[in-house]
All heavy atoms as atom14 arrays in JSON, in Angstrom:
{
  "sequence": "LLNKPNLRFKPITNQIECHPYLTQKELIGFCQSRQVSVTAY",
  "atom14_mask": [
    [1, 1, 1, 1, 1, 1, 1, 1, 0, 0, 0, 0, 0, 0],
    [1, 1, 1, 1, 1, 1, 1, 1, 0, 0, 0, 0, 0, 0],
    [1, 1, 1, 1, 1, 1, 1, 1, 0, 0, 0, 0, 0, 0],
    [1, 1, 1, 1, 1, 1, 1, 1, 1, 0, 0, 0, 0, 0],
    [1, 1, 1, 1, 1, 1, 1, 0, 0, 0, 0, 0, 0, 0],
    [1, 1, 1, 1, 1, 1, 1, 1, 0, 0, 0, 0, 0, 0],
    [1, 1, 1, 1, 1, 1, 1, 1, 0, 0, 0, 0, 0, 0],
    [1, 1, 1, 1, 1, 1, 1, 1, 1, 1, 1, 0, 0, 0],
    [1, 1, 1, 1, 1, 1, 1, 1, 1, 1, 1, 0, 0, 0],
    [1, 1, 1, 1, 1, 1, 1, 1, 1, 0, 0, 0, 0, 0],
    [1, 1, 1, 1, 1, 1, 1, 0, 0, 0, 0, 0, 0, 0],
    [1, 1, 1, 1, 1, 1, 1, 1, 0, 0, 0, 0, 0, 0],
    [1, 1, 1, 1, 1, 1, 1, 0, 0, 0, 0, 0, 0, 0],
    [1, 1, 1, 1, 1, 1, 1, 1, 0, 0, 0, 0, 0, 0],
    [1, 1, 1, 1, 1, 1, 1, 1, 1, 0, 0, 0, 0, 0],
    [1, 1, 1, 1, 1, 1, 1, 1, 0, 0, 0, 0, 0, 0],
    [1, 1, 1, 1, 1, 1, 1, 1, 1, 0, 0, 0, 0, 0],
    [1, 1, 1, 1, 1, 1, 0, 0, 0, 0, 0, 0, 0, 0],
    [1, 1, 1, 1, 1, 1, 1, 1, 1, 1, 0, 0, 0, 0],
    [1, 1, 1, 1, 1, 1, 1, 0, 0, 0, 0, 0, 0, 0],
    [1, 1, 1, 1, 1, 1, 1, 1, 1, 1, 1, 1, 0, 0],
    [1, 1, 1, 1, 1, 1, 1, 1, 0, 0, 0, 0, 0, 0],
    [1, 1, 1, 1, 1, 1, 1, 0, 0, 0, 0, 0, 0, 0],
    [1, 1, 1, 1, 1, 1, 1, 1, 1, 0, 0, 0, 0, 0],
    [1, 1, 1, 1, 1, 1, 1, 1, 1, 0, 0, 0, 0, 0],
    [1, 1, 1, 1, 1, 1, 1, 1, 1, 0, 0, 0, 0, 0],
    [1, 1, 1, 1, 1, 1, 1, 1, 0, 0, 0, 0, 0, 0],
    [1, 1, 1, 1, 1, 1, 1, 1, 0, 0, 0, 0, 0, 0],
    [1, 1, 1, 1, 0, 0, 0, 0, 0, 0, 0, 0, 0, 0],
    [1, 1, 1, 1, 1, 1, 1, 1, 1, 1, 1, 0, 0, 0],
    [1, 1, 1, 1, 1, 1, 0, 0, 0, 0, 0, 0, 0, 0],
    [1, 1, 1, 1, 1, 1, 1, 1, 1, 0, 0, 0, 0, 0],
    [1, 1, 1, 1, 1, 1, 0, 0, 0, 0, 0, 0, 0, 0],
    [1, 1, 1, 1, 1, 1, 1, 1, 1, 1, 1, 0, 0, 0],
    [1, 1, 1, 1, 1, 1, 1, 1, 1, 0, 0, 0, 0, 0],
    [1, 1, 1, 1, 1, 1, 1, 0, 0, 0, 0, 0, 0, 0],
    [1, 1, 1, 1, 1, 1, 0, 0, 0, 0, 0, 0, 0, 0],
    [1, 1, 1, 1, 1, 1, 1, 0, 0, 0, 0, 0, 0, 0],
    [1, 1, 1, 1, 1, 1, 1, 0, 0, 0, 0, 0, 0, 0],
    [1, 1, 1, 1, 1, 0, 0, 0, 0, 0, 0, 0, 0, 0],
    [1, 1, 1, 1, 1, 1, 1, 1, 1, 1, 1, 1, 0, 0]
  ],
  "atom14_positions": [
    [[10.35, -11.78, -4.18], [11.19, -10.58, -4.22], [10.79, -9.58, -3.12], [11.64, -9.05, -2.4], [11.12, -9.93, -5.61], [11.87, -8.61, -5.79], [13.34, -8.74, -5.42], [11.73, -8.12, -7.23], [0.0, 0.0, 0.0], [0.0, 0.0, 0.0], [0.0, 0.0, 0.0], [0.0, 0.0, 0.0], [0.0, 0.0, 0.0], [0.0, 0.0, 0.0]],
    [[9.5, -9.36, -2.98], [9.02, -8.39, -1.98], [9.34, -8.85, -0.56], [9.5, -8.02, 0.35], [7.51, -8.17, -2.12], [7.07, -7.44, -3.4], [5.55, -7.49, -3.54], [7.55, -5.99, -3.42], [0.0, 0.0, 0.0], [0.0, 0.0, 0.0], [0.0, 0.0, 0.0], [0.0, 0.0, 0.0], [0.0, 0.0, 0.0], [0.0, 0.0, 0.0]],
    [[9.45, -10.15, -0.36], [9.76, -10.7, 0.97], [11.25, -10.97, 1.17], [11.65, -11.55, 2.17], [8.97, -11.99, 1.21], [7.49, -11.71, 1.38], [7.1, -10.71, 1.97], [6.65, -12.57, 0.81], [0.0, 0.0, 0.0], [0.0, 0.0, 0.0], [0.0, 0.0, 0.0], [0.0, 0.0, 0.0], [0.0, 0.0, 0.0], [0.0, 0.0, 0.0]],
    [[12.06, -10.54, 0.22], [13.51, -10.76, 0.31], [14.08, -10.07, 1.56], [13.79, -8.9, 1.79], [14.17, -10.19, -0.94], [15.68, -10.27, -0.95], [16.26, -9.51, -2.15], [17.78, -9.59, -2.19], [18.42, -8.9, -1.05], [0.0, 0.0, 0.0], [0.0, 0.0, 0.0], [0.0, 0.0, 0.0], [0.0, 0.0, 0.0], [0.0, 0.0, 0.0]],
    [[14.87, -10.78, 2.35], [15.51, -10.13, 3.5], [16.42, -8.99, 3.03], [17.07, -9.1, 1.98], [16.34, -11.26, 4.13], [15.76, -12.52, 3.6], [15.22, -12.19, 2.24], [0.0, 0.0, 0.0], [0.0, 0.0, 0.0], [0.0, 0.0, 0.0], [0.0, 0.0, 0.0], [0.0, 0.0, 0.0], [0.0, 0.0, 0.0], [0.0, 0.0, 0.0]],
    [[16.44, -7.91, 3.78], [17.3, -6.75, 3.46], [17.01, -6.13, 2.09], [17.93, -5.64, 1.43], [18.79, -7.13, 3.56], [19.14, -7.75, 4.89], [18.71, -7.27, 5.94], [19.88, -8.85, 4.87], [0.0, 0.0, 0.0], [0.0, 0.0, 0.0], [0.0, 0.0, 0.0], [0.0, 0.0, 0.0], [0.0, 0.0, 0.0], [0.0, 0.0, 0.0]],
    [[15.75, -6.16, 1.69], [15.37, -5.49, 0.44], [15.6, -3.99, 0.61], [15.08, -3.38, 1.55], [13.89, -5.78, 0.14], [13.34, -5.3, -1.19], [13.86, -6.15, -2.34], [11.81, -5.35, -1.19], [0.0, 0.0, 0.0], [0.0, 0.0, 0.0], [0.0, 0.0, 0.0], [0.0, 0.0, 0.0], [0.0, 0.0, 0.0], [0.0, 0.0, 0.0]],
    [[16.38, -3.4, -0.28], [16.67, -1.96, -0.16], [15.68, -1.11, -0.96], [15.29, -0.05, -0.56], [18.1, -1.66, -0.62], [19.16, -2.12, 0.37], [20.56, -1.88, -0.2], [20.89, -2.83, -1.26], [21.92, -2.68, -2.1], [22.7, -1.61, -2.03], [22.17, -3.6, -3.03], [0.0, 0.0, 0.0], [0.0, 0.0, 0.0], [0.0, 0.0, 0.0]],
    [[15.34, -1.6, -2.16], [14.4, -0.86, -3.01], [13.35, -1.83, -3.55], [13.69, -2.88, -4.09], [15.13, -0.18, -4.18], [16.14, 0.84, -3.73], [17.5, 0.53, -3.71], [15.74, 2.1, -3.31], [18.44, 1.45, -3.28], [16.67, 3.03, -2.88], [18.03, 2.71, -2.86], [0.0, 0.0, 0.0], [0.0, 0.0, 0.0], [0.0, 0.0, 0.0]],
    [[12.09, -1.44, -3.42], [10.99, -2.25, -3.94], [10.87, -2.06, -5.44], [11.15, -0.98, -5.95], [9.67, -1.78, -3.31], [9.27, -2.5, -2.04], [7.91, -2.02, -1.54], [6.77, -2.44, -2.45], [5.44, -2.17, -1.88], [0.0, 0.0, 0.0], [0.0, 0.0, 0.0], [0.0, 0.0, 0.0], [0.0, 0.0, 0.0], [0.0, 0.0, 0.0]],
    [[10.41, -3.09, -6.14], [10.1, -2.89, -7.56], [8.9, -1.95, -7.66], [7.92, -2.13, -6.94], [9.73, -4.29, -8.05], [9.32, -5.05, -6.82], [10.1, -4.46, -5.68], [0.0, 0.0, 0.0], [0.0, 0.0, 0.0], [0.0, 0.0, 0.0], [0.0, 0.0, 0.0], [0.0, 0.0, 0.0], [0.0, 0.0, 0.0], [0.0, 0.0, 0.0]],
    [[9.01, -0.92, -8.52], [7.88, 0.02, -8.59], [6.82, -0.42, -9.61], [5.7, 0.05, -9.57], [8.32, 1.48, -8.87], [8.86, 1.67, -10.28], [9.33, 1.95, -7.83], [8.91, 3.14, -10.7], [0.0, 0.0, 0.0], [0.0, 0.0, 0.0], [0.0, 0.0, 0.0], [0.0, 0.0, 0.0], [0.0, 0.0, 0.0], [0.0, 0.0, 0.0]],
    [[7.19, -1.35, -10.49], [6.19, -1.85, -11.44], [6.53, -3.28, -11.83], [7.66, -3.73, -11.68], [6.13, -0.96, -12.71], [4.87, -1.13, -13.37], [7.23, -1.26, -13.7], [0.0, 0.0, 0.0], [0.0, 0.0, 0.0], [0.0, 0.0, 0.0], [0.0, 0.0, 0.0], [0.0, 0.0, 0.0], [0.0, 0.0, 0.0], [0.0, 0.0, 0.0]],
    [[5.5, -3.99, -12.31], [5.68, -5.29, -12.96], [5.1, -5.11, -14.36], [3.9, -4.89, -14.51], [4.93, -6.4, -12.2], [5.18, -7.8, -12.77], [6.08, -8.0, -13.58], [4.37, -8.76, -12.33], [0.0, 0.0, 0.0], [0.0, 0.0, 0.0], [0.0, 0.0, 0.0], [0.0, 0.0, 0.0], [0.0, 0.0, 0.0], [0.0, 0.0, 0.0]],
    [[5.96, -5.16, -15.36], [5.5, -4.98, -16.74], [5.14, -6.34, -17.32], [5.98, -7.24, -17.41], [6.59, -4.31, -17.59], [6.07, -4.0, -18.99], [7.1, -3.34, -19.9], [7.39, -3.85, -20.99], [7.64, -2.21, -19.48], [0.0, 0.0, 0.0], [0.0, 0.0, 0.0], [0.0, 0.0, 0.0], [0.0, 0.0, 0.0], [0.0, 0.0, 0.0]],
    [[3.86, -6.49, -17.69], [3.34, -7.79, -18.13], [2.5, -7.63, -19.4], [1.98, -6.54, -19.68], [2.47, -8.43, -17.02], [1.31, -7.49, -16.63], [3.34, -8.8, -15.82], [0.32, -8.09, -15.63], [0.0, 0.0, 0.0], [0.0, 0.0, 0.0], [0.0, 0.0, 0.0], [0.0, 0.0, 0.0], [0.0, 0.0, 0.0], [0.0, 0.0, 0.0]],
    [[2.37, -8.72, -20.13], [1.44, -8.71, -21.26], [0.02, -8.6, -20.72], [-0.37, -9.32, -19.81], [1.58, -10.0, -22.07], [0.61, -10.05, -23.24], [0.65, -11.36, -24.02], [1.64, -12.12, -23.89], [-0.33, -11.62, -24.74], [0.0, 0.0, 0.0], [0.0, 0.0, 0.0], [0.0, 0.0, 0.0], [0.0, 0.0, 0.0], [0.0, 0.0, 0.0]],
    [[-0.75, -7.68, -21.29], [-2.13, -7.53, -20.81], [-2.99, -6.86, -21.87], [-2.62, -5.84, -22.44], [-2.15, -6.7, -19.52], [-3.77, -6.65, -18.75], [0.0, 0.0, 0.0], [0.0, 0.0, 0.0], [0.0, 0.0, 0.0], [0.0, 0.0, 0.0], [0.0, 0.0, 0.0], [0.0, 0.0, 0.0], [0.0, 0.0, 0.0], [0.0, 0.0, 0.0]],
    [[-4.15, -7.46, -22.13], [-5.14, -6.97, -23.1], [-6.43, -7.74, -22.81], [-6.42, -8.68, -21.99], [-4.65, -7.22, -24.54], [-4.04, -8.57, -24.74], [-4.8, -9.71, -24.88], [-2.74, -8.97, -24.77], [-3.99, -10.76, -25.01], [-2.74, -10.34, -24.94], [0.0, 0.0, 0.0], [0.0, 0.0, 0.0], [0.0, 0.0, 0.0], [0.0, 0.0, 0.0]],
    [[-7.55, -7.4, -23.44], [-8.81, -8.08, -23.09], [-8.84, -9.6, -23.29], [-9.66, -10.26, -22.68], [-9.84, -7.38, -23.98], [-9.3, -5.99, -24.1], [-7.81, -6.19, -24.25], [0.0, 0.0, 0.0], [0.0, 0.0, 0.0], [0.0, 0.0, 0.0], [0.0, 0.0, 0.0], [0.0, 0.0, 0.0], [0.0, 0.0, 0.0], [0.0, 0.0, 0.0]],
    [[-7.96, -10.15, -24.13], [-7.91, -11.61, -24.26], [-7.01, -12.23, -23.17], [-6.95, -13.45, -23.04], [-7.4, -12.02, -25.64], [-8.39, -11.79, -26.78], [-7.97, -11.85, -28.11], [-9.74, -11.5, -26.53], [-8.87, -11.65, -29.16], [-10.64, -11.29, -27.57], [-10.21, -11.36, -28.88], [-11.09, -11.15, -29.92], [0.0, 0.0, 0.0], [0.0, 0.0, 0.0]],
    [[-6.29, -11.38, -22.43], [-5.46, -11.82, -21.3], [-5.57, -10.71, -20.24], [-4.71, -9.86, -20.12], [-3.99, -12.01, -21.74], [-3.01, -12.5, -20.67], [-3.27, -13.96, -20.3], [-1.56, -12.33, -21.14], [0.0, 0.0, 0.0], [0.0, 0.0, 0.0], [0.0, 0.0, 0.0], [0.0, 0.0, 0.0], [0.0, 0.0, 0.0], [0.0, 0.0, 0.0]],
    [[-6.69, -10.73, -19.52], [-7.0, -9.59, -18.64], [-6.13, -9.51, -17.39], [-5.99, -8.44, -16.81], [-8.48, -9.61, -18.22], [-8.78, -10.9, -17.68], [-9.39, -9.32, -19.39], [0.0, 0.0, 0.0], [0.0, 0.0, 0.0], [0.0, 0.0, 0.0], [0.0, 0.0, 0.0], [0.0, 0.0, 0.0], [0.0, 0.0, 0.0], [0.0, 0.0, 0.0]],
    [[-5.53, -10.64, -16.98], [-4.58, -10.65, -15.85], [-5.2, -10.11, -14.55], [-4.52, -9.49, -13.74], [-3.34, -9.78, -16.21], [-2.54, -10.26, -17.39], [-1.47, -11.27, -17.03], [-1.6, -12.0, -16.05], [-0.42, -11.34, -17.83], [0.0, 0.0, 0.0], [0.0, 0.0, 0.0], [0.0, 0.0, 0.0], [0.0, 0.0, 0.0], [0.0, 0.0, 0.0]],
    [[-6.48, -10.37, -14.37], [-7.18, -9.81, -13.21], [-6.51, -10.17, -11.88], [-6.31, -9.31, -11.02], [-8.63, -10.33, -13.23], [-9.57, -9.49, -12.4], [-11.03, -9.88, -12.63], [-11.89, -9.25, -11.54], [-13.09, -10.02, -11.27], [0.0, 0.0, 0.0], [0.0, 0.0, 0.0], [0.0, 0.0, 0.0], [0.0, 0.0, 0.0], [0.0, 0.0, 0.0]],
    [[-6.14, -11.43, -11.73], [-5.56, -11.88, -10.45], [-4.18, -11.28, -10.22], [-3.86, -10.83, -9.12], [-5.46, -13.42, -10.42], [-6.82, -14.12, -10.47], [-7.35, -14.3, -11.89], [-6.67, -13.89, -12.86], [-8.46, -14.85, -12.04], [0.0, 0.0, 0.0], [0.0, 0.0, 0.0], [0.0, 0.0, 0.0], [0.0, 0.0, 0.0], [0.0, 0.0, 0.0]],
    [[-3.36, -11.29, -11.26], [-2.0, -10.76, -11.11], [-2.02, -9.25, -10.86], [-1.28, -8.74, -10.02], [-1.14, -11.11, -12.33], [0.33, -10.71, -12.26], [1.01, -11.25, -11.01], [1.08, -11.21, -13.51], [0.0, 0.0, 0.0], [0.0, 0.0, 0.0], [0.0, 0.0, 0.0], [0.0, 0.0, 0.0], [0.0, 0.0, 0.0], [0.0, 0.0, 0.0]],
    [[-2.89, -8.52, -11.58], [-3.01, -7.08, -11.36], [-3.48, -6.81, -9.93], [-2.93, -5.95, -9.23], [-3.97, -6.43, -12.39], [-3.34, -6.46, -13.78], [-4.32, -4.98, -11.98], [-4.27, -6.04, -14.9], [0.0, 0.0, 0.0], [0.0, 0.0, 0.0], [0.0, 0.0, 0.0], [0.0, 0.0, 0.0], [0.0, 0.0, 0.0], [0.0, 0.0, 0.0]],
    [[-4.47, -7.58, -9.48], [-4.96, -7.43, -8.11], [-3.86, -7.66, -7.09], [-3.72, -6.91, -6.12], [0.0, 0.0, 0.0], [0.0, 0.0, 0.0], [0.0, 0.0, 0.0], [0.0, 0.0, 0.0], [0.0, 0.0, 0.0], [0.0, 0.0, 0.0], [0.0, 0.0, 0.0], [0.0, 0.0, 0.0], [0.0, 0.0, 0.0], [0.0, 0.0, 0.0]],
    [[-3.04, -8.7, -7.34], [-1.94, -9.0, -6.43], [-0.93, -7.86, -6.4], [-0.54, -7.39, -5.33], [-1.25, -10.3, -6.84], [-0.08, -10.65, -5.96], [-0.28, -11.28, -4.74], [1.21, -10.31, -6.34], [0.8, -11.57, -3.9], [2.29, -10.6, -5.51], [2.08, -11.23, -4.29], [0.0, 0.0, 0.0], [0.0, 0.0, 0.0], [0.0, 0.0, 0.0]],
    [[-0.5, -7.41, -7.58], [0.5, -6.33, -7.66], [0.0, -5.07, -6.95], [0.7, -4.49, -6.12], [0.82, -6.0, -9.11], [1.7, -7.31, -10.0], [0.0, 0.0, 0.0], [0.0, 0.0, 0.0], [0.0, 0.0, 0.0], [0.0, 0.0, 0.0], [0.0, 0.0, 0.0], [0.0, 0.0, 0.0], [0.0, 0.0, 0.0], [0.0, 0.0, 0.0]],
    [[-1.21, -4.65, -7.31], [-1.73, -3.41, -6.76], [-1.95, -3.5, -5.25], [-1.75, -2.52, -4.54], [-3.0, -2.98, -7.51], [-2.68, -2.6, -8.96], [-3.9, -2.21, -9.79], [-5.05, -2.51, -9.42], [-3.68, -1.55, -10.91], [0.0, 0.0, 0.0], [0.0, 0.0, 0.0], [0.0, 0.0, 0.0], [0.0, 0.0, 0.0], [0.0, 0.0, 0.0]],
    [[-2.29, -4.69, -4.75], [-2.47, -4.85, -3.3], [-1.14, -4.74, -2.56], [-1.1, -4.46, -1.37], [-3.11, -6.21, -2.98], [-2.18, -7.26, -3.13], [0.0, 0.0, 0.0], [0.0, 0.0, 0.0], [0.0, 0.0, 0.0], [0.0, 0.0, 0.0], [0.0, 0.0, 0.0], [0.0, 0.0, 0.0], [0.0, 0.0, 0.0], [0.0, 0.0, 0.0]],
    [[-0.04, -4.95, -3.29], [1.3, -4.84, -2.69], [1.98, -3.53, -3.09], [3.2, -3.4, -2.98], [2.16, -6.03, -3.14], [1.57, -7.41, -2.82], [1.47, -7.72, -1.34], [2.77, -7.84, -0.71], [3.45, -8.98, -0.57], [2.96, -10.12, -1.03], [4.62, -8.99, 0.02], [0.0, 0.0, 0.0], [0.0, 0.0, 0.0], [0.0, 0.0, 0.0]],
    [[1.2, -2.58, -3.58], [1.71, -1.26, -3.98], [2.77, -1.34, -5.09], [3.72, -0.55, -5.13], [2.29, -0.48, -2.77], [1.23, 0.18, -1.89], [0.42, -0.84, -1.11], [0.97, -1.62, -0.32], [-0.89, -0.87, -1.33], [0.0, 0.0, 0.0], [0.0, 0.0, 0.0], [0.0, 0.0, 0.0], [0.0, 0.0, 0.0], [0.0, 0.0, 0.0]],
    [[2.61, -2.31, -5.96], [3.46, -2.4, -7.15], [2.56, -2.08, -8.34], [1.52, -2.73, -8.53], [4.06, -3.83, -7.31], [4.87, -3.94, -8.6], [4.92, -4.18, -6.09], [0.0, 0.0, 0.0], [0.0, 0.0, 0.0], [0.0, 0.0, 0.0], [0.0, 0.0, 0.0], [0.0, 0.0, 0.0], [0.0, 0.0, 0.0], [0.0, 0.0, 0.0]],
    [[2.91, -1.06, -9.12], [2.07, -0.71, -10.26], [2.2, -1.78, -11.35], [3.12, -2.6, -11.32], [2.45, 0.67, -10.81], [3.71, 0.6, -11.46], [0.0, 0.0, 0.0], [0.0, 0.0, 0.0], [0.0, 0.0, 0.0], [0.0, 0.0, 0.0], [0.0, 0.0, 0.0], [0.0, 0.0, 0.0], [0.0, 0.0, 0.0], [0.0, 0.0, 0.0]],
    [[1.27, -1.75, -12.29], [1.31, -2.69, -13.41], [1.42, -1.88, -14.7], [0.71, -0.89, -14.89], [0.05, -3.58, -13.45], [0.05, -4.46, -14.7], [-0.02, -4.44, -12.19], [0.0, 0.0, 0.0], [0.0, 0.0, 0.0], [0.0, 0.0, 0.0], [0.0, 0.0, 0.0], [0.0, 0.0, 0.0], [0.0, 0.0, 0.0], [0.0, 0.0, 0.0]],
    [[2.34, -2.31, -15.56], [2.48, -1.73, -16.89], [2.12, -2.81, -17.89], [2.64, -3.94, -17.81], [3.92, -1.24, -17.13], [4.27, -0.29, -16.11], [4.06, -0.58, -18.5], [0.0, 0.0, 0.0], [0.0, 0.0, 0.0], [0.0, 0.0, 0.0], [0.0, 0.0, 0.0], [0.0, 0.0, 0.0], [0.0, 0.0, 0.0], [0.0, 0.0, 0.0]],
    [[1.21, -2.49, -18.82], [0.75, -3.47, -19.8], [1.52, -3.33, -21.1], [1.46, -2.27, -21.75], [-0.74, -3.28, -20.07], [0.0, 0.0, 0.0], [0.0, 0.0, 0.0], [0.0, 0.0, 0.0], [0.0, 0.0, 0.0], [0.0, 0.0, 0.0], [0.0, 0.0, 0.0], [0.0, 0.0, 0.0], [0.0, 0.0, 0.0], [0.0, 0.0, 0.0]],
    [[2.23, -4.4, -21.49], [2.78, -4.41, -22.85], [1.83, -5.19, -23.74], [0.99, -5.94, -23.27], [4.22, -4.92, -22.89], [4.5, -6.4, -22.65], [4.27, -7.36, -23.64], [5.08, -6.82, -21.45], [4.6, -8.7, -23.42], [5.41, -8.16, -21.23], [5.16, -9.1, -22.22], [5.48, -10.42, -22.01], [0.0, 0.0, 0.0], [0.0, 0.0, 0.0]]
  ]
}
């Protein structure tokens, strides 16, 4: 999505399941490195 040609608006967040039994370290690192915030459900 971020590499989509002619992207007009970036996603500002990726809302994902996240808690200590599913820490999502890699995905959070990826999102934040691309300036996409993470919201934990």
